[in-house]
N, C-alpha and C. Protein backbone atom coordinates (compact mmCIF):
# COMPACT_ATOMS: atom_id res chain seq x y z
N UNK A 1 1.48 -3.58 24.30
CA UNK A 1 0.20 -3.06 23.88
C UNK A 1 -0.32 -3.92 22.73
N UNK A 2 -1.54 -4.35 22.81
CA UNK A 2 -2.11 -5.19 21.76
C UNK A 2 -2.65 -4.34 20.62
N UNK A 3 -2.82 -4.97 19.47
CA UNK A 3 -3.34 -4.27 18.30
C UNK A 3 -4.79 -3.89 18.55
N UNK A 4 -5.20 -2.71 18.03
CA UNK A 4 -6.60 -2.30 18.19
C UNK A 4 -7.54 -3.29 17.50
N UNK A 5 -8.73 -3.44 18.03
CA UNK A 5 -9.72 -4.33 17.45
C UNK A 5 -10.35 -3.66 16.23
N UNK A 6 -10.40 -4.35 15.10
CA UNK A 6 -11.02 -3.76 13.90
C UNK A 6 -12.48 -3.41 14.16
N UNK A 7 -12.92 -2.32 13.58
CA UNK A 7 -14.31 -1.88 13.70
C UNK A 7 -15.12 -2.54 12.59
N UNK A 8 -16.28 -3.15 12.90
CA UNK A 8 -17.05 -3.86 11.89
C UNK A 8 -17.53 -2.96 10.74
N UNK A 9 -17.58 -1.66 10.96
CA UNK A 9 -18.03 -0.75 9.92
C UNK A 9 -17.09 -0.68 8.72
N UNK A 10 -15.85 -1.15 8.88
CA UNK A 10 -14.90 -1.14 7.78
C UNK A 10 -14.93 -2.43 6.96
N UNK A 11 -15.76 -3.36 7.34
CA UNK A 11 -15.92 -4.60 6.59
C UNK A 11 -14.62 -5.38 6.48
N UNK A 12 -14.33 -5.87 5.30
CA UNK A 12 -13.16 -6.73 5.07
C UNK A 12 -11.84 -6.00 5.26
N UNK A 13 -11.86 -4.67 5.30
CA UNK A 13 -10.60 -3.94 5.43
C UNK A 13 -10.04 -3.94 6.84
N UNK A 14 -10.79 -4.33 7.83
CA UNK A 14 -10.25 -4.55 9.18
C UNK A 14 -9.53 -3.37 9.78
N UNK A 15 -10.01 -2.17 9.58
CA UNK A 15 -9.39 -0.99 10.19
C UNK A 15 -10.06 -0.68 11.51
N UNK A 16 -9.31 -0.03 12.39
CA UNK A 16 -9.83 0.34 13.70
C UNK A 16 -10.29 1.79 13.69
N UNK A 17 -11.30 2.09 14.48
CA UNK A 17 -11.77 3.47 14.62
C UNK A 17 -10.79 4.24 15.48
N UNK A 18 -10.32 5.37 14.96
CA UNK A 18 -9.43 6.26 15.71
C UNK A 18 -9.86 7.69 15.40
N UNK A 19 -10.02 8.48 16.43
CA UNK A 19 -10.31 9.90 16.21
C UNK A 19 -8.99 10.63 15.95
N UNK A 20 -9.04 11.90 15.76
CA UNK A 20 -7.88 12.70 15.39
C UNK A 20 -6.67 12.41 16.28
N UNK A 21 -5.52 12.22 15.65
CA UNK A 21 -4.27 11.98 16.36
C UNK A 21 -3.14 12.59 15.55
N UNK A 22 -2.01 12.80 16.17
CA UNK A 22 -0.86 13.44 15.51
C UNK A 22 -0.12 12.41 14.66
N UNK A 23 -0.45 12.36 13.39
CA UNK A 23 0.16 11.39 12.48
C UNK A 23 1.63 11.70 12.21
N UNK A 24 2.06 12.92 12.44
CA UNK A 24 3.44 13.30 12.15
C UNK A 24 4.35 13.26 13.38
N UNK A 25 3.85 12.75 14.50
CA UNK A 25 4.68 12.67 15.69
C UNK A 25 5.91 11.79 15.41
N UNK A 26 6.89 11.90 16.27
CA UNK A 26 8.16 11.18 16.07
C UNK A 26 8.04 9.67 16.27
N UNK A 27 7.03 9.22 17.00
CA UNK A 27 6.92 7.79 17.28
C UNK A 27 6.26 7.03 16.12
N UNK A 28 6.60 5.75 16.01
CA UNK A 28 5.94 4.88 15.05
C UNK A 28 6.60 4.76 13.68
N UNK A 29 7.62 5.54 13.40
CA UNK A 29 8.31 5.45 12.10
C UNK A 29 9.23 4.22 12.10
N UNK A 30 9.23 3.48 10.99
CA UNK A 30 10.09 2.31 10.85
C UNK A 30 10.75 2.33 9.48
N UNK A 31 11.98 1.87 9.42
CA UNK A 31 12.68 1.76 8.13
C UNK A 31 11.94 0.76 7.25
N UNK A 32 11.84 1.07 5.97
CA UNK A 32 11.24 0.13 5.02
C UNK A 32 12.33 -0.84 4.61
N UNK A 33 12.09 -2.11 4.87
CA UNK A 33 13.08 -3.15 4.61
C UNK A 33 13.52 -3.13 3.14
N UNK A 34 14.83 -3.14 2.93
CA UNK A 34 15.38 -3.18 1.58
C UNK A 34 15.62 -1.82 0.96
N UNK A 35 15.26 -0.73 1.66
CA UNK A 35 15.44 0.62 1.13
C UNK A 35 16.22 1.46 2.14
N UNK A 36 17.17 2.23 1.67
CA UNK A 36 17.96 3.10 2.54
C UNK A 36 17.38 4.50 2.47
N UNK A 37 17.08 5.07 3.64
CA UNK A 37 16.57 6.43 3.70
C UNK A 37 15.07 6.55 3.51
N UNK A 38 14.35 5.42 3.51
CA UNK A 38 12.90 5.43 3.35
C UNK A 38 12.28 4.83 4.60
N UNK A 39 11.34 5.57 5.21
CA UNK A 39 10.65 5.11 6.41
C UNK A 39 9.15 5.12 6.16
N UNK A 40 8.44 4.32 6.96
CA UNK A 40 6.98 4.28 6.89
C UNK A 40 6.41 4.40 8.28
N UNK A 41 5.18 4.90 8.31
CA UNK A 41 4.42 4.95 9.56
C UNK A 41 3.01 4.50 9.21
N UNK A 42 2.61 3.35 9.76
CA UNK A 42 1.28 2.81 9.50
C UNK A 42 0.28 3.64 10.31
N UNK A 43 -0.69 4.22 9.62
CA UNK A 43 -1.73 5.00 10.28
C UNK A 43 -2.95 4.16 10.60
N UNK A 44 -3.27 3.21 9.72
CA UNK A 44 -4.41 2.33 9.98
C UNK A 44 -4.34 1.10 9.11
N UNK A 45 -4.94 0.02 9.61
CA UNK A 45 -5.10 -1.20 8.84
C UNK A 45 -3.90 -2.11 8.84
N UNK A 46 -4.04 -3.16 8.04
CA UNK A 46 -2.95 -4.13 7.84
C UNK A 46 -3.14 -4.77 6.48
N UNK A 47 -2.05 -5.26 5.95
CA UNK A 47 -2.05 -5.90 4.65
C UNK A 47 -1.49 -7.31 4.84
N UNK A 48 -2.17 -8.31 4.33
CA UNK A 48 -1.74 -9.69 4.44
C UNK A 48 -1.45 -10.23 3.05
N UNK A 49 -0.17 -10.16 2.60
CA UNK A 49 0.18 -10.63 1.25
C UNK A 49 -0.05 -12.12 1.04
N UNK A 50 0.01 -12.92 2.09
CA UNK A 50 -0.21 -14.36 1.94
C UNK A 50 -1.69 -14.64 1.64
N UNK A 51 -2.59 -14.04 2.42
CA UNK A 51 -4.03 -14.23 2.20
C UNK A 51 -4.57 -13.29 1.11
N UNK A 52 -3.73 -12.36 0.65
CA UNK A 52 -4.12 -11.37 -0.36
C UNK A 52 -5.38 -10.61 0.06
N UNK A 53 -5.30 -10.03 1.27
CA UNK A 53 -6.42 -9.25 1.77
C UNK A 53 -5.91 -8.14 2.67
N UNK A 54 -6.77 -7.16 2.87
CA UNK A 54 -6.47 -6.07 3.79
C UNK A 54 -6.29 -4.74 3.09
N UNK A 55 -6.08 -3.73 3.93
CA UNK A 55 -5.88 -2.37 3.46
C UNK A 55 -5.06 -1.60 4.49
N UNK A 56 -4.16 -0.77 4.02
CA UNK A 56 -3.29 0.01 4.89
C UNK A 56 -3.29 1.46 4.41
N UNK A 57 -3.34 2.37 5.37
CA UNK A 57 -3.04 3.77 5.11
C UNK A 57 -1.73 4.05 5.83
N UNK A 58 -0.76 4.57 5.10
CA UNK A 58 0.54 4.81 5.72
C UNK A 58 1.16 6.09 5.18
N UNK A 59 2.08 6.63 5.97
CA UNK A 59 2.92 7.72 5.51
C UNK A 59 4.24 7.12 5.08
N UNK A 60 4.83 7.68 4.04
CA UNK A 60 6.17 7.32 3.61
C UNK A 60 7.04 8.56 3.67
N UNK A 61 8.20 8.43 4.27
CA UNK A 61 9.11 9.57 4.41
C UNK A 61 10.43 9.22 3.76
N UNK A 62 10.81 9.98 2.75
CA UNK A 62 12.06 9.77 2.02
C UNK A 62 13.04 10.86 2.42
N UNK A 63 14.21 10.47 2.90
CA UNK A 63 15.26 11.42 3.22
C UNK A 63 15.87 11.96 1.92
N UNK A 64 16.46 13.16 1.96
CA UNK A 64 17.16 13.64 0.76
C UNK A 64 18.21 12.61 0.33
N UNK A 65 18.19 12.27 -0.95
CA UNK A 65 19.13 11.29 -1.50
C UNK A 65 18.63 9.86 -1.47
N UNK A 66 17.51 9.59 -0.82
CA UNK A 66 16.97 8.22 -0.79
C UNK A 66 16.60 7.79 -2.21
N UNK A 67 16.82 6.52 -2.51
CA UNK A 67 16.56 6.04 -3.86
C UNK A 67 16.17 4.57 -3.86
N UNK A 68 15.33 4.22 -4.82
CA UNK A 68 15.02 2.83 -5.15
C UNK A 68 15.50 2.70 -6.59
N UNK A 69 16.61 1.99 -6.79
CA UNK A 69 17.29 2.01 -8.09
C UNK A 69 16.82 0.97 -9.09
N UNK A 70 15.67 0.35 -8.81
CA UNK A 70 15.14 -0.66 -9.71
C UNK A 70 13.61 -0.55 -9.76
N UNK A 71 13.01 -0.96 -10.85
CA UNK A 71 11.54 -0.96 -10.91
C UNK A 71 10.97 -1.98 -9.91
N UNK A 72 9.76 -1.71 -9.43
CA UNK A 72 9.08 -2.60 -8.49
C UNK A 72 7.68 -2.90 -9.00
N UNK A 73 7.11 -3.97 -8.47
CA UNK A 73 5.75 -4.38 -8.78
C UNK A 73 5.24 -5.16 -7.57
N UNK A 74 3.94 -5.11 -7.34
CA UNK A 74 3.36 -5.86 -6.22
C UNK A 74 1.95 -6.28 -6.57
N UNK A 75 1.39 -7.17 -5.77
CA UNK A 75 0.09 -7.73 -6.12
C UNK A 75 -1.08 -7.03 -5.43
N UNK A 76 -0.87 -5.87 -4.83
CA UNK A 76 -1.95 -5.08 -4.25
C UNK A 76 -2.12 -3.78 -5.02
N UNK A 77 -3.26 -3.15 -4.85
CA UNK A 77 -3.53 -1.83 -5.42
C UNK A 77 -2.81 -0.79 -4.57
N UNK A 78 -2.47 0.34 -5.21
CA UNK A 78 -1.72 1.36 -4.49
C UNK A 78 -2.13 2.74 -4.98
N UNK A 79 -2.35 3.63 -4.04
CA UNK A 79 -2.53 5.04 -4.35
C UNK A 79 -1.49 5.81 -3.56
N UNK A 80 -0.84 6.76 -4.23
CA UNK A 80 0.23 7.54 -3.61
C UNK A 80 -0.03 9.02 -3.88
N UNK A 81 0.04 9.82 -2.84
CA UNK A 81 -0.10 11.27 -2.96
C UNK A 81 1.13 11.91 -2.33
N UNK A 82 1.82 12.77 -3.07
CA UNK A 82 3.00 13.46 -2.55
C UNK A 82 2.54 14.69 -1.78
N UNK A 83 2.72 14.65 -0.46
CA UNK A 83 2.26 15.71 0.43
C UNK A 83 3.24 16.89 0.44
N UNK A 84 4.53 16.59 0.47
CA UNK A 84 5.54 17.65 0.47
C UNK A 84 6.81 17.14 -0.18
N UNK A 85 7.66 18.07 -0.61
CA UNK A 85 8.89 17.70 -1.30
C UNK A 85 8.58 17.21 -2.70
N UNK A 86 9.48 16.38 -3.22
CA UNK A 86 9.28 15.84 -4.56
C UNK A 86 9.95 14.48 -4.68
N UNK A 87 9.45 13.70 -5.63
CA UNK A 87 9.97 12.39 -5.96
C UNK A 87 10.32 12.44 -7.43
N UNK A 88 11.36 11.75 -7.83
CA UNK A 88 11.75 11.73 -9.24
C UNK A 88 11.70 10.32 -9.78
N UNK A 89 11.19 10.18 -11.01
CA UNK A 89 11.20 8.89 -11.69
C UNK A 89 12.52 8.82 -12.45
N UNK A 90 13.34 7.84 -12.12
CA UNK A 90 14.64 7.68 -12.74
C UNK A 90 15.67 7.28 -11.71
N UNK A 91 16.92 7.41 -12.08
CA UNK A 91 18.01 7.03 -11.18
C UNK A 91 18.93 8.22 -10.94
N UNK A 92 19.62 8.17 -9.83
CA UNK A 92 20.60 9.22 -9.53
C UNK A 92 21.67 9.28 -10.61
N UNK A 93 22.02 8.13 -11.17
CA UNK A 93 23.06 8.09 -12.20
C UNK A 93 22.63 8.82 -13.47
N UNK A 94 21.34 8.89 -13.73
CA UNK A 94 20.80 9.58 -14.91
C UNK A 94 19.87 10.71 -14.47
N UNK A 95 20.29 11.46 -13.46
CA UNK A 95 19.45 12.49 -12.85
C UNK A 95 18.95 13.52 -13.86
N UNK A 96 19.75 13.87 -14.83
CA UNK A 96 19.35 14.90 -15.80
C UNK A 96 18.17 14.44 -16.66
N UNK A 97 17.92 13.15 -16.75
CA UNK A 97 16.82 12.61 -17.54
C UNK A 97 15.60 12.27 -16.69
N UNK A 98 15.70 12.44 -15.38
CA UNK A 98 14.61 12.06 -14.48
C UNK A 98 13.42 13.01 -14.61
N UNK A 99 12.24 12.50 -14.30
CA UNK A 99 11.01 13.29 -14.32
C UNK A 99 10.63 13.61 -12.88
N UNK A 100 10.57 14.92 -12.59
CA UNK A 100 10.24 15.36 -11.23
C UNK A 100 8.73 15.33 -11.01
N UNK A 101 8.33 14.74 -9.88
CA UNK A 101 6.93 14.70 -9.45
C UNK A 101 6.81 15.62 -8.23
N UNK A 102 6.24 16.81 -8.39
CA UNK A 102 6.18 17.76 -7.27
C UNK A 102 5.08 17.40 -6.28
N UNK A 103 5.10 18.09 -5.11
CA UNK A 103 4.04 17.86 -4.14
C UNK A 103 2.70 18.16 -4.81
N UNK A 104 1.69 17.40 -4.41
CA UNK A 104 0.37 17.51 -5.03
C UNK A 104 0.14 16.48 -6.12
N UNK A 105 1.18 15.72 -6.49
CA UNK A 105 1.05 14.69 -7.52
C UNK A 105 0.45 13.43 -6.91
N UNK A 106 -0.40 12.74 -7.69
CA UNK A 106 -1.12 11.57 -7.21
C UNK A 106 -0.98 10.44 -8.23
N UNK A 107 -0.84 9.22 -7.78
CA UNK A 107 -0.81 8.03 -8.64
C UNK A 107 -1.82 7.02 -8.12
N UNK A 108 -2.47 6.31 -9.03
CA UNK A 108 -3.40 5.23 -8.69
C UNK A 108 -3.00 4.03 -9.53
N UNK A 109 -2.62 2.93 -8.88
CA UNK A 109 -2.12 1.75 -9.60
C UNK A 109 -2.88 0.49 -9.22
N UNK A 110 -3.30 -0.28 -10.23
CA UNK A 110 -3.83 -1.61 -9.94
C UNK A 110 -2.66 -2.56 -9.67
N UNK A 111 -2.93 -3.80 -9.28
CA UNK A 111 -1.86 -4.77 -9.02
C UNK A 111 -0.99 -5.01 -10.26
N UNK A 112 0.26 -5.37 -10.03
CA UNK A 112 1.22 -5.84 -11.03
C UNK A 112 1.68 -4.76 -12.02
N UNK A 113 1.50 -3.49 -11.70
CA UNK A 113 2.00 -2.42 -12.56
C UNK A 113 3.45 -2.14 -12.15
N UNK A 114 4.34 -2.23 -13.10
CA UNK A 114 5.76 -1.95 -12.85
C UNK A 114 5.93 -0.43 -12.75
N UNK A 115 6.60 0.02 -11.68
CA UNK A 115 6.85 1.45 -11.51
C UNK A 115 8.22 1.66 -10.88
N UNK A 116 8.77 2.84 -11.14
CA UNK A 116 10.12 3.15 -10.67
C UNK A 116 11.12 2.92 -11.76
N UNK A 117 12.37 3.11 -11.47
CA UNK A 117 12.99 3.47 -10.19
C UNK A 117 12.65 4.91 -9.78
N UNK A 118 12.88 5.21 -8.49
CA UNK A 118 12.57 6.53 -7.94
C UNK A 118 13.73 7.00 -7.07
N UNK A 119 13.83 8.33 -6.91
CA UNK A 119 14.72 8.91 -5.92
C UNK A 119 14.17 10.27 -5.51
N UNK A 120 14.66 10.78 -4.41
CA UNK A 120 14.27 12.11 -3.95
C UNK A 120 15.52 12.89 -3.60
N UNK A 121 15.77 13.98 -4.32
CA UNK A 121 16.96 14.77 -4.02
C UNK A 121 16.75 15.70 -2.84
N UNK A 122 15.50 16.12 -2.59
CA UNK A 122 15.22 17.04 -1.50
C UNK A 122 14.47 16.38 -0.33
N UNK A 123 14.07 15.12 -0.51
CA UNK A 123 13.24 14.44 0.47
C UNK A 123 11.78 14.68 0.15
N UNK A 124 10.92 13.82 0.68
CA UNK A 124 9.49 13.98 0.45
C UNK A 124 8.69 13.22 1.50
N UNK A 125 7.42 13.60 1.60
CA UNK A 125 6.46 12.92 2.47
C UNK A 125 5.30 12.48 1.60
N UNK A 126 4.96 11.21 1.69
CA UNK A 126 3.87 10.63 0.90
C UNK A 126 2.80 10.10 1.83
N UNK A 127 1.55 10.10 1.36
CA UNK A 127 0.52 9.31 2.01
C UNK A 127 0.13 8.24 1.00
N UNK A 128 0.07 7.00 1.49
CA UNK A 128 -0.17 5.86 0.61
C UNK A 128 -1.35 5.05 1.12
N UNK A 129 -2.14 4.57 0.17
CA UNK A 129 -3.25 3.69 0.46
C UNK A 129 -2.99 2.39 -0.30
N UNK A 130 -2.78 1.31 0.42
CA UNK A 130 -2.48 0.00 -0.17
C UNK A 130 -3.64 -0.93 0.17
N UNK A 131 -4.14 -1.68 -0.83
CA UNK A 131 -5.27 -2.54 -0.55
C UNK A 131 -5.40 -3.62 -1.61
N UNK A 132 -5.96 -4.72 -1.17
CA UNK A 132 -6.35 -5.77 -2.11
C UNK A 132 -7.78 -5.48 -2.52
N UNK A 133 -8.10 -5.65 -3.79
CA UNK A 133 -9.48 -5.38 -4.20
C UNK A 133 -10.43 -6.35 -3.50
N UNK A 134 -11.60 -5.85 -3.09
CA UNK A 134 -12.58 -6.76 -2.50
C UNK A 134 -12.99 -7.84 -3.49
N UNK A 135 -13.32 -9.02 -2.99
CA UNK A 135 -13.77 -10.12 -3.87
C UNK A 135 -15.07 -9.71 -4.56
N UNK A 136 -15.19 -10.11 -5.82
CA UNK A 136 -16.42 -9.77 -6.57
C UNK A 136 -17.58 -10.63 -6.15
């Protein structure tokens, strides 16, 4: 199956028009490279780190106990909304000092902001919007 053709109404973001679909279905989930227990499902768009362009809407699913034990940074903008469960800022080794982010929590980050480490003791579902800022 070929990739959907981007709709011109989305401009530089190159997203395809899709009407309502089951975003939580079992198909389409993929492990996030370099992370254990973290999966993603791309809902729309694409991100091109080489050309520094594009936009993606994706779901992130963290299994109970999943962790990213180091801070991360990237060159795209990122918005994250915790739909269910919770995410904690900190490490499993220092769990008592971690800050719990409950469902309903939202983050908005410009490029190059260091964030993390993170873990989820109960698991969580995130919706994420990743994008390169449009050229001025």
